[in-house]
Amino acid sequence: MAIPDFQTLMLPLLELLKDGKVVKLSDMVELMSDKYHLTEEERNEWLPSKVQKTMYNRVAWAKQYLKNAELIDSPEKGSFVITQKGLCVLKNKPNKIDLRFLKNLDNDNSETETDTDTNNENKNSHIEENKTPEELIESAQTLYSESLQKELLSKLKQIDPVRFEQIVLQLMEKMNYGVGSMTKMSHDGGVDGIIDEDELGLEKIYLQAKRYSDNKVNEKEMQNFAGALGCSPVRKGVFITTSFFDERAKKKAASVQGKIIRLVDGEELTKLMIKHNLGVQVKTKIEIKKIDEDFFSEE
């Protein structure tokens, strides 16, 4: 039997966890391999890059998308358990779970599949087949980046707040804004760190870092930061959070006279960390080659 693609594996993986037990990724791979009666040769097949075995890679991606959709969770590294949301999905007895299904979950459109849904799926498949190799590569890179961002943001939301402040300072240094230091004012709602933009410390940037899981940064918190900035000769401030800023907080930041306050939410934060290789590492590099027309030229 051919190795199933990662979307085919999504529903069986979720059903595997329906009893609420914690299952390791390595055990998932074995159980799915048994379910699909894979031969030894298929179980030991490697990706062309030789980075991972094909079945392991596909199970890992199916798991990752289920986790991104909050249908499963990871109570400890390399182990997974179904969530209440995942149990609710199984209760509706879906015929399959794929990327389209997961995308529609938040819109409450995933419980029924109409003819229009099927036609749209076929249309999307046709579009995918007509993409050039370059477009397919870019599409895959986008999907991978989005998944990495979600995983990174999840990690940031779980760490100690002081550690988060240190990471923010590291990021600013990686972005060549100068040497940073944490302040004694940490946790007072004012300033968590100061960046010296130049060696003499003539230009400084005030930093505020809020590691939130769900709460949005509100107007009061922005007022505290703006107040600390307003009472100093420092002209620039950066407010970074793993969450979002509510509209009143944004307006307050924009209204501060004579100062510049740059807001960085969780999505932008993860993009910057990935861009500057902070908290991530290169997994593999792929070279894309093309014909050298000059080599075949007669001139």
Protein backbone atom coordinates (compact mmCIF):
# COMPACT_ATOMS: atom_id res chain seq x y z
CA MET A 1 0.00 0.00 0.00
CA ALA A 2 1.33 3.46 -0.90
CA ILE A 3 2.39 5.79 1.89
CA PRO A 4 -0.63 8.04 2.66
CA ASP A 5 -0.25 11.79 2.26
CA PHE A 6 -0.29 13.99 5.37
CA GLN A 7 -3.89 15.19 4.86
CA THR A 8 -5.16 11.62 4.69
CA LEU A 9 -3.48 11.00 8.04
CA MET A 10 -5.19 13.85 9.88
CA LEU A 11 -8.49 12.14 10.79
CA PRO A 12 -6.91 8.77 11.73
CA LEU A 13 -4.41 10.60 13.97
CA LEU A 14 -7.17 12.49 15.74
CA GLU A 15 -9.17 9.27 16.19
CA LEU A 16 -6.03 7.62 17.60
CA LEU A 17 -6.09 10.16 20.44
CA LYS A 18 -9.85 10.10 21.14
CA ASP A 19 -9.49 8.14 24.41
CA GLY A 20 -7.56 11.06 25.93
CA LYS A 21 -4.27 9.23 26.35
CA VAL A 22 -0.95 10.96 25.69
CA VAL A 23 0.80 9.46 22.65
CA LYS A 24 4.38 10.05 21.51
CA LEU A 25 5.09 11.09 17.93
CA SER A 26 7.28 8.04 17.38
CA ASP A 27 4.39 5.79 18.48
CA MET A 28 2.04 7.68 16.14
CA VAL A 29 4.32 6.84 13.24
CA GLU A 30 4.39 3.14 14.14
CA LEU A 31 0.63 2.92 14.69
CA MET A 32 -0.17 4.71 11.42
CA SER A 33 2.32 2.51 9.57
CA ASP A 34 0.53 -0.55 10.94
CA LYS A 35 -2.91 0.88 10.10
CA TYR A 36 -1.95 1.36 6.45
CA HIS A 37 -0.08 -1.97 6.30
CA LEU A 38 3.15 -0.38 5.10
CA THR A 39 5.92 -2.72 4.06
CA GLU A 40 9.39 -2.55 5.60
CA GLU A 41 10.59 -0.84 2.46
CA GLU A 42 7.87 1.83 2.74
CA ARG A 43 8.52 2.31 6.46
CA ASN A 44 12.20 2.93 5.72
CA GLU A 45 11.69 5.17 2.70
CA TRP A 46 13.48 8.52 3.03
CA LEU A 47 12.65 11.93 1.63
CA PRO A 48 14.83 12.93 -1.34
CA SER A 49 16.70 15.31 0.99
CA LYS A 50 17.53 12.39 3.32
CA VAL A 51 16.53 14.58 6.27
CA GLN A 52 13.66 12.38 7.51
CA LYS A 53 11.87 9.19 6.67
CA THR A 54 8.84 9.88 4.47
CA MET A 55 6.21 8.39 6.78
CA TYR A 56 7.64 10.16 9.83
CA ASN A 57 7.61 13.45 7.93
CA ARG A 58 3.97 13.05 6.85
CA VAL A 59 2.75 12.04 10.31
CA ALA A 60 4.66 14.97 11.81
CA TRP A 61 3.02 17.42 9.39
CA ALA A 62 -0.45 15.98 9.98
CA LYS A 63 0.17 16.32 13.71
CA GLN A 64 1.43 19.88 13.30
CA TYR A 65 -1.65 21.06 11.42
CA LEU A 66 -3.94 19.44 14.00
CA LYS A 67 -1.97 21.23 16.71
CA ASN A 68 -2.13 24.54 14.86
CA ALA A 69 -5.91 24.14 14.69
CA GLU A 70 -5.93 23.43 18.47
CA LEU A 71 -7.45 19.97 17.98
CA ILE A 72 -4.51 18.44 19.84
CA ASP A 73 -2.03 19.78 22.36
CA SER A 74 1.46 18.91 23.54
CA PRO A 75 1.66 18.46 27.33
CA GLU A 76 5.33 17.57 27.00
CA LYS A 77 7.94 17.54 24.27
CA GLY A 78 7.25 14.95 21.58
CA SER A 79 3.93 13.83 23.10
CA PHE A 80 0.37 14.77 22.17
CA VAL A 81 -3.16 14.59 23.53
CA ILE A 82 -6.56 15.48 22.11
CA THR A 83 -8.22 18.75 23.20
CA GLN A 84 -11.88 19.46 23.94
CA LYS A 85 -12.09 21.12 20.54
CA GLY A 86 -10.72 17.96 18.96
CA LEU A 87 -13.30 15.81 20.75
CA CYS A 88 -16.07 18.11 19.49
CA VAL A 89 -14.82 17.68 15.93
CA LEU A 90 -14.87 13.88 16.25
CA LYS A 91 -18.35 14.03 17.77
CA ASN A 92 -19.59 15.48 14.46
CA LYS A 93 -18.20 12.40 12.65
CA PRO A 94 -16.41 14.17 9.75
CA ASN A 95 -15.78 12.10 6.64
CA LYS A 96 -12.28 13.51 6.45
CA ILE A 97 -10.07 16.21 7.89
CA ASP A 98 -7.86 18.18 5.50
CA LEU A 99 -6.48 21.70 5.17
CA ARG A 100 -9.77 23.07 3.85
CA PHE A 101 -11.65 21.52 6.76
CA LEU A 102 -9.24 23.07 9.27
CA LYS A 103 -9.41 26.44 7.57
CA ASN A 104 -13.21 26.44 7.84
CA LEU A 105 -13.32 25.37 11.49
CA ASP A 106 -13.41 28.92 12.83
CA ASN A 107 -16.22 29.80 10.41
CA ASP A 108 -18.36 26.88 11.60
CA ASN A 109 -18.59 25.60 8.02
CA SER A 110 -16.79 22.31 8.53
CA GLU A 111 -19.68 20.18 9.82
CA THR A 112 -21.39 19.78 6.47
CA GLU A 113 -19.91 19.33 3.04
CA THR A 114 -22.09 20.67 0.21
CA ASP A 115 -21.78 20.21 -3.52
CA THR A 116 -20.38 23.74 -3.67
CA ASP A 117 -17.69 22.77 -1.16
CA THR A 118 -16.76 19.77 -3.28
CA ASN A 119 -16.64 21.85 -6.45
CA ASN A 120 -14.44 24.42 -4.74
CA GLU A 121 -12.13 21.67 -3.54
CA ASN A 122 -11.82 20.22 -7.05
CA LYS A 123 -11.21 23.72 -8.40
CA ASN A 124 -8.48 24.35 -5.83
CA SER A 125 -6.87 21.01 -6.67
CA HIS A 126 -6.89 21.94 -10.34
CA ILE A 127 -5.28 25.30 -9.56
CA GLU A 128 -2.61 23.56 -7.51
CA GLU A 129 -1.83 21.18 -10.37
CA ASN A 130 -1.37 24.09 -12.75
CA LYS A 131 1.19 25.91 -10.64
CA THR A 132 4.75 26.08 -11.95
CA PRO A 133 7.48 24.33 -9.91
CA GLU A 134 8.64 27.74 -8.67
CA GLU A 135 5.12 28.61 -7.50
CA LEU A 136 4.76 25.27 -5.74
CA ILE A 137 8.06 25.83 -3.93
CA GLU A 138 6.98 29.29 -2.82
CA SER A 139 3.61 27.94 -1.70
CA ALA A 140 5.29 25.21 0.34
CA GLN A 141 7.66 27.74 1.86
CA THR A 142 4.73 29.93 2.89
CA LEU A 143 2.93 27.01 4.54
CA TYR A 144 6.11 26.02 6.36
CA SER A 145 6.74 29.59 7.54
CA GLU A 146 3.18 29.96 8.85
CA SER A 147 3.47 26.70 10.77
CA LEU A 148 6.86 27.72 12.18
CA GLN A 149 5.47 31.09 13.27
CA LYS A 150 2.61 29.45 15.17
CA GLU A 151 4.97 27.02 16.87
CA LEU A 152 7.39 29.80 17.80
CA LEU A 153 4.62 32.01 19.17
CA SER A 154 3.33 29.11 21.26
CA LYS A 155 6.80 28.67 22.77
CA LEU A 156 7.09 32.39 23.54
CA LYS A 157 3.74 32.41 25.35
CA GLN A 158 4.91 29.63 27.66
CA ILE A 159 8.26 31.02 28.80
CA ASP A 160 8.98 33.06 31.92
CA PRO A 161 8.20 36.80 31.48
CA VAL A 162 11.77 37.77 32.45
CA ARG A 163 13.13 35.37 29.84
CA PHE A 164 10.82 36.97 27.30
CA GLU A 165 12.27 40.39 28.12
CA GLN A 166 15.77 38.99 27.55
CA ILE A 167 14.69 37.59 24.18
CA VAL A 168 13.31 40.99 23.17
CA LEU A 169 16.68 42.57 23.98
CA GLN A 170 18.47 39.88 21.98
CA LEU A 171 16.21 40.53 19.01
CA MET A 172 16.90 44.27 19.08
CA GLU A 173 20.63 43.56 19.14
CA LYS A 174 20.27 41.08 16.27
CA MET A 175 18.52 43.85 14.32
CA ASN A 176 21.57 46.09 14.90
CA TYR A 177 19.83 48.57 17.17
CA GLY A 178 22.68 48.47 19.66
CA VAL A 179 23.47 46.90 23.02
CA GLY A 180 20.53 46.42 25.34
CA SER A 181 20.10 46.02 29.08
CA MET A 182 17.20 45.22 31.38
CA THR A 183 16.17 47.91 33.83
CA LYS A 184 15.28 47.89 37.51
CA MET A 185 11.91 49.22 36.48
CA SER A 186 10.88 45.81 35.13
CA HIS A 187 7.32 44.78 35.99
CA ASP A 188 6.29 48.30 37.09
CA GLY A 189 4.41 49.00 33.85
CA GLY A 190 7.04 51.44 32.67
CA VAL A 191 10.24 50.31 30.94
CA ASP A 192 11.63 46.78 30.76
CA GLY A 193 14.80 47.51 28.81
CA ILE A 194 16.97 50.21 27.29
CA ILE A 195 18.84 50.02 24.00
CA ASP A 196 21.90 52.20 23.36
CA GLU A 197 21.81 52.95 19.65
CA ASP A 198 25.40 54.20 19.64
CA GLU A 199 28.56 53.31 21.56
CA LEU A 200 28.42 56.45 23.70
CA GLY A 201 24.78 55.95 24.61
CA LEU A 202 23.75 59.32 23.23
CA GLU A 203 20.65 57.85 21.56
CA LYS A 204 18.49 55.42 23.48
CA ILE A 205 15.37 53.36 22.88
CA TYR A 206 12.97 52.37 25.66
CA LEU A 207 11.52 48.86 25.49
CA GLN A 208 8.39 47.33 26.97
CA ALA A 209 7.80 43.58 26.64
CA LYS A 210 4.48 41.92 27.50
CA ARG A 211 4.26 38.15 27.31
CA TYR A 212 0.54 37.45 27.15
CA SER A 213 -1.28 34.25 26.18
CA ASP A 214 -4.63 35.81 25.30
CA ASN A 215 -4.98 39.28 26.81
CA LYS A 216 -4.57 42.26 24.50
CA VAL A 217 -2.38 45.20 25.49
CA ASN A 218 -4.82 47.86 26.68
CA GLU A 219 -4.83 51.66 26.84
CA LYS A 220 -3.73 51.80 30.50
CA GLU A 221 -0.60 49.76 29.80
CA MET A 222 0.20 51.93 26.82
CA GLN A 223 -0.38 55.04 28.94
CA ASN A 224 2.16 53.78 31.50
CA PHE A 225 4.76 53.23 28.81
CA ALA A 226 4.03 56.55 27.13
CA GLY A 227 4.28 58.24 30.53
CA ALA A 228 7.71 56.76 31.21
CA LEU A 229 8.83 57.86 27.77
CA GLY A 230 7.32 61.31 28.18
CA CYS A 231 9.19 61.94 31.45
CA SER A 232 12.56 61.27 29.83
CA PRO A 233 14.68 62.80 27.06
CA VAL A 234 14.39 59.50 25.12
CA ARG A 235 12.46 60.01 21.89
CA LYS A 236 11.88 56.42 20.78
CA GLY A 237 10.05 53.49 22.30
CA VAL A 238 9.25 49.94 21.18
CA PHE A 239 6.37 48.00 22.73
CA ILE A 240 6.50 44.28 21.95
CA THR A 241 3.92 41.66 22.88
CA THR A 242 3.11 38.04 22.08
CA SER A 243 -0.54 39.11 21.82
CA PHE A 244 -2.20 42.10 20.13
CA PHE A 245 -2.89 45.77 20.85
CA ASP A 246 -6.47 46.92 21.24
CA GLU A 247 -7.59 49.97 19.24
CA ARG A 248 -7.44 52.37 22.20
CA ALA A 249 -3.86 51.31 22.93
CA LYS A 250 -2.91 51.94 19.29
CA LYS A 251 -4.49 55.39 19.36
CA LYS A 252 -2.70 56.25 22.60
CA ALA A 253 0.67 55.25 21.11
CA ALA A 254 0.02 57.35 18.02
CA SER A 255 -1.06 60.39 20.03
CA VAL A 256 2.12 60.88 22.09
CA GLN A 257 3.60 64.23 21.09
CA GLY A 258 7.28 64.45 20.19
CA LYS A 259 7.84 60.71 20.67
CA ILE A 260 7.82 57.65 18.41
CA ILE A 261 6.32 54.43 19.77
CA ARG A 262 6.64 51.39 17.51
CA LEU A 263 4.21 48.54 18.21
CA VAL A 264 5.16 44.93 17.48
CA ASP A 265 2.51 42.22 17.95
CA GLY A 266 2.97 38.47 18.15
CA GLU A 267 2.76 37.86 14.42
CA GLU A 268 5.37 40.47 13.55
CA LEU A 269 7.56 39.36 16.45
CA THR A 270 7.78 35.78 15.16
CA LYS A 271 8.51 37.01 11.62
CA LEU A 272 11.38 39.13 12.92
CA MET A 273 12.78 36.29 15.02
CA ILE A 274 12.73 33.93 12.04
CA LYS A 275 14.28 36.56 9.75
CA HIS A 276 17.13 37.19 12.20
CA ASN A 277 17.57 33.51 13.21
CA LEU A 278 16.65 33.98 16.86
CA GLY A 279 15.10 30.94 18.51
CA VAL A 280 15.23 29.01 15.23
CA GLN A 281 17.90 27.22 13.26
CA VAL A 282 18.37 26.17 9.65
CA LYS A 283 16.96 22.67 9.21
CA THR A 284 18.05 22.05 5.65
CA LYS A 285 19.06 23.93 2.53
CA ILE A 286 17.73 23.14 -0.94
CA GLU A 287 19.48 24.27 -4.11
CA ILE A 288 17.29 25.07 -7.10
CA LYS A 289 19.21 24.84 -10.38
CA LYS A 290 18.44 25.85 -13.95
CA ILE A 291 20.06 25.40 -17.34
CA ASP A 292 23.09 27.59 -17.96
CA GLU A 293 22.29 28.91 -21.41
CA ASP A 294 25.76 30.44 -21.78
CA PHE A 295 27.31 27.00 -21.38
CA PHE A 296 25.53 25.78 -24.50
CA SER A 297 26.14 28.91 -26.52
CA GLU A 298 28.42 28.47 -29.55
CA GLU A 299 30.04 31.87 -29.03
